[in-house]
């Protein structure tokens, strides 16, 4: 049976999601940087 506590506290289950989180943060950072670059370029 799946439980959130087992998922959160089990390092083997938790660590594979770290690359996805890092990739998501890097993607957000790139999108924010791209949009601010466009705003400063067009204004």
PDB file of N, CA and C in Angstrom:
ATOM      1  N   UNK A   1       0.837  -1.200   0.000  1.00  0.00           N
ATOM      2  CA  UNK A   1       0.000   0.000   0.000  1.00  0.00           C
ATOM      3  C   UNK A   1       0.868   1.245   0.000  1.00  0.00           C
ATOM      4  N   UNK A   2       0.551   2.173  -0.856  1.00  0.00           N
ATOM      5  CA  UNK A   2       1.343   3.394  -0.982  1.00  0.00           C
ATOM      6  C   UNK A   2       0.945   4.390   0.094  1.00  0.00           C
ATOM      7  N   UNK A   3       1.944   4.936   0.770  1.00  0.00           N
ATOM      8  CA  UNK A   3       1.676   6.002   1.733  1.00  0.00           C
ATOM      9  C   UNK A   3       2.692   7.111   1.540  1.00  0.00           C
ATOM     10  N   UNK A   4       2.271   8.327   1.779  1.00  0.00           N
ATOM     11  CA  UNK A   4       3.123   9.484   1.559  1.00  0.00           C
ATOM     12  C   UNK A   4       4.308   9.492   2.514  1.00  0.00           C
ATOM     13  N   UNK A   5       4.110   9.001   3.746  1.00  0.00           N
ATOM     14  CA  UNK A   5       5.210   8.984   4.699  1.00  0.00           C
ATOM     15  C   UNK A   5       6.330   8.064   4.226  1.00  0.00           C
ATOM     16  N   UNK A   6       5.960   6.887   3.704  1.00  0.00           N
ATOM     17  CA  UNK A   6       6.984   5.981   3.203  1.00  0.00           C
ATOM     18  C   UNK A   6       7.736   6.594   2.029  1.00  0.00           C
ATOM     19  N   UNK A   7       7.031   7.316   1.187  1.00  0.00           N
ATOM     20  CA  UNK A   7       7.675   7.960   0.038  1.00  0.00           C
ATOM     21  C   UNK A   7       8.613   9.066   0.483  1.00  0.00           C
ATOM     22  N   UNK A   8       8.179   9.881   1.449  1.00  0.00           N
ATOM     23  CA  UNK A   8       8.980  11.027   1.868  1.00  0.00           C
ATOM     24  C   UNK A   8      10.207  10.618   2.651  1.00  0.00           C
ATOM     25  N   UNK A   9      10.084   9.567   3.467  1.00  0.00           N
ATOM     26  CA  UNK A   9      11.191   9.217   4.347  1.00  0.00           C
ATOM     27  C   UNK A   9      12.055   8.084   3.815  1.00  0.00           C
ATOM     28  N   UNK A  10      11.739   7.546   2.660  1.00  0.00           N
ATOM     29  CA  UNK A  10      12.551   6.479   2.090  1.00  0.00           C
ATOM     30  C   UNK A  10      13.525   7.084   1.081  1.00  0.00           C
ATOM     31  N   UNK A  11      14.833   7.116   1.406  1.00  0.00           N
ATOM     32  CA  UNK A  11      15.789   7.826   0.532  1.00  0.00           C
ATOM     33  C   UNK A  11      15.894   7.231  -0.865  1.00  0.00           C
ATOM     34  N   UNK A  12      15.735   5.910  -0.985  1.00  0.00           N
ATOM     35  CA  UNK A  12      15.837   5.281  -2.307  1.00  0.00           C
ATOM     36  C   UNK A  12      14.699   5.747  -3.206  1.00  0.00           C
ATOM     37  N   UNK A  13      13.515   5.970  -2.623  1.00  0.00           N
ATOM     38  CA  UNK A  13      12.399   6.473  -3.407  1.00  0.00           C
ATOM     39  C   UNK A  13      12.495   7.980  -3.613  1.00  0.00           C
ATOM     40  N   UNK A  14      13.110   8.665  -2.656  1.00  0.00           N
ATOM     41  CA  UNK A  14      13.116  10.121  -2.719  1.00  0.00           C
ATOM     42  C   UNK A  14      14.164  10.652  -3.697  1.00  0.00           C
ATOM     43  N   UNK A  15      15.344  10.054  -3.704  1.00  0.00           N
ATOM     44  CA  UNK A  15      16.432  10.630  -4.489  1.00  0.00           C
ATOM     45  C   UNK A  15      16.225  10.628  -6.004  1.00  0.00           C
ATOM     46  N   UNK A  16      15.550   9.630  -6.612  1.00  0.00           N
ATOM     47  CA  UNK A  16      15.334   9.716  -8.061  1.00  0.00           C
ATOM     48  C   UNK A  16      14.514  10.929  -8.500  1.00  0.00           C
ATOM     49  N   UNK A  17      13.771  11.531  -7.594  1.00  0.00           N
ATOM     50  CA  UNK A  17      12.980  12.695  -7.984  1.00  0.00           C
ATOM     51  C   UNK A  17      13.796  13.987  -7.941  1.00  0.00           C
ATOM     52  N   UNK A  18      14.984  13.948  -7.354  1.00  0.00           N
ATOM     53  CA  UNK A  18      15.812  15.152  -7.257  1.00  0.00           C
ATOM     54  C   UNK A  18      16.260  15.689  -8.614  1.00  0.00           C
ATOM     55  N   UNK A  19      16.715  14.852  -9.563  1.00  0.00           N
ATOM     56  CA  UNK A  19      17.073  15.399 -10.881  1.00  0.00           C
ATOM     57  C   UNK A  19      15.908  16.089 -11.569  1.00  0.00           C
ATOM     58  N   UNK A  20      14.695  15.566 -11.394  1.00  0.00           N
ATOM     59  CA  UNK A  20      13.518  16.206 -11.990  1.00  0.00           C
ATOM     60  C   UNK A  20      13.280  17.570 -11.356  1.00  0.00           C
ATOM     61  N   UNK A  21      13.435  17.656 -10.036  1.00  0.00           N
ATOM     62  CA  UNK A  21      13.234  18.933  -9.345  1.00  0.00           C
ATOM     63  C   UNK A  21      14.295  19.940  -9.793  1.00  0.00           C
ATOM     64  N   UNK A  22      15.541  19.498  -9.895  1.00  0.00           N
ATOM     65  CA  UNK A  22      16.612  20.397 -10.338  1.00  0.00           C
ATOM     66  C   UNK A  22      16.371  20.861 -11.767  1.00  0.00           C
ATOM     67  N   UNK A  23      15.908  19.940 -12.617  1.00  0.00           N
ATOM     68  CA  UNK A  23      15.615  20.298 -13.996  1.00  0.00           C
ATOM     69  C   UNK A  23      14.451  21.280 -14.068  1.00  0.00           C
ATOM     70  N   UNK A  24      13.447  21.086 -13.197  1.00  0.00           N
ATOM     71  CA  UNK A  24      12.295  21.979 -13.180  1.00  0.00           C
ATOM     72  C   UNK A  24      12.691  23.373 -12.707  1.00  0.00           C
ATOM     73  N   UNK A  25      13.553  23.445 -11.685  1.00  0.00           N
ATOM     74  CA  UNK A  25      14.022  24.740 -11.187  1.00  0.00           C
ATOM     75  C   UNK A  25      14.882  25.431 -12.245  1.00  0.00           C
ATOM     76  N   UNK A  26      15.730  24.672 -12.922  1.00  0.00           N
ATOM     77  CA  UNK A  26      16.559  25.255 -13.973  1.00  0.00           C
ATOM     78  C   UNK A  26      15.697  25.744 -15.130  1.00  0.00           C
ATOM     79  N   UNK A  27      14.620  25.008 -15.442  1.00  0.00           N
ATOM     80  CA  UNK A  27      13.710  25.420 -16.500  1.00  0.00           C
ATOM     81  C   UNK A  27      12.987  26.711 -16.122  1.00  0.00           C
ATOM     82  N   UNK A  28      12.515  26.788 -14.869  1.00  0.00           N
ATOM     83  CA  UNK A  28      11.857  28.010 -14.411  1.00  0.00           C
ATOM     84  C   UNK A  28      12.829  29.189 -14.436  1.00  0.00           C
ATOM     85  N   UNK A  29      14.060  28.948 -14.009  1.00  0.00           N
ATOM     86  CA  UNK A  29      15.064  30.006 -13.988  1.00  0.00           C
ATOM     87  C   UNK A  29      15.348  30.498 -15.406  1.00  0.00           C
ATOM     88  N   UNK A  30      15.419  29.565 -16.355  1.00  0.00           N
ATOM     89  CA  UNK A  30      15.661  29.949 -17.743  1.00  0.00           C
ATOM     90  C   UNK A  30      14.481  30.727 -18.313  1.00  0.00           C
ATOM     91  N   UNK A  31      13.267  30.310 -17.989  1.00  0.00           N
ATOM     92  CA  UNK A  31      12.084  31.013 -18.492  1.00  0.00           C
ATOM     93  C   UNK A  31      11.984  32.419 -17.911  1.00  0.00           C
ATOM     94  N   UNK A  32      12.288  32.553 -16.610  1.00  0.00           N
ATOM     95  CA  UNK A  32      12.250  33.877 -15.980  1.00  0.00           C
ATOM     96  C   UNK A  32      13.332  34.771 -16.581  1.00  0.00           C
ATOM     97  N   UNK A  33      14.522  34.225 -16.761  1.00  0.00           N
ATOM     98  CA  UNK A  33      15.598  35.006 -17.360  1.00  0.00           C
ATOM     99  C   UNK A  33      15.274  35.402 -18.795  1.00  0.00           C
ATOM    100  N   UNK A  34      14.641  34.493 -19.546  1.00  0.00           N
ATOM    101  CA  UNK A  34      14.302  34.782 -20.938  1.00  0.00           C
ATOM    102  C   UNK A  34      13.232  35.860 -21.017  1.00  0.00           C
ATOM    103  N   UNK A  35      12.228  35.787 -20.132  1.00  0.00           N
ATOM    104  CA  UNK A  35      11.146  36.766 -20.176  1.00  0.00           C
ATOM    105  C   UNK A  35      11.642  38.140 -19.734  1.00  0.00           C
ATOM    106  N   UNK A  36      12.522  38.195 -18.729  1.00  0.00           N
ATOM    107  CA  UNK A  36      13.048  39.490 -18.293  1.00  0.00           C
ATOM    108  C   UNK A  36      13.978  40.061 -19.356  1.00  0.00           C
ATOM    109  N   UNK A  37      14.693  39.198 -20.061  1.00  0.00           N
ATOM    110  CA  UNK A  37      15.549  39.663 -21.150  1.00  0.00           C
ATOM    111  C   UNK A  37      14.710  40.272 -22.265  1.00  0.00           C
ATOM    112  N   UNK A  38      13.587  39.642 -22.577  1.00  0.00           N
ATOM    113  CA  UNK A  38      12.684  40.182 -23.591  1.00  0.00           C
ATOM    114  C   UNK A  38      12.083  41.507 -23.142  1.00  0.00           C
ATOM    115  N   UNK A  39      11.711  41.603 -21.868  1.00  0.00           N
ATOM    116  CA  UNK A  39      11.108  42.837 -21.366  1.00  0.00           C
ATOM    117  C   UNK A  39      12.101  43.987 -21.428  1.00  0.00           C
ATOM    118  N   UNK A  40      13.346  43.730 -21.032  1.00  0.00           N
ATOM    119  CA  UNK A  40      14.339  44.802 -21.064  1.00  0.00           C
ATOM    120  C   UNK A  40      14.742  45.117 -22.499  1.00  0.00           C
ATOM    121  N   UNK A  41      14.634  44.135 -23.394  1.00  0.00           N
ATOM    122  CA  UNK A  41      15.014  44.369 -24.784  1.00  0.00           C
ATOM    123  C   UNK A  41      13.971  45.215 -25.506  1.00  0.00           C
ATOM    124  N   UNK A  42      12.695  44.948 -25.246  1.00  0.00           N
ATOM    125  CA  UNK A  42      11.635  45.640 -25.976  1.00  0.00           C
ATOM    126  C   UNK A  42      11.254  46.978 -25.370  1.00  0.00           C
ATOM    127  N   UNK A  43      11.639  47.199 -24.106  1.00  0.00           N
ATOM    128  CA  UNK A  43      11.218  48.446 -23.470  1.00  0.00           C
ATOM    129  C   UNK A  43      12.257  49.551 -23.658  1.00  0.00           C
TER     130      UNK A  43
END
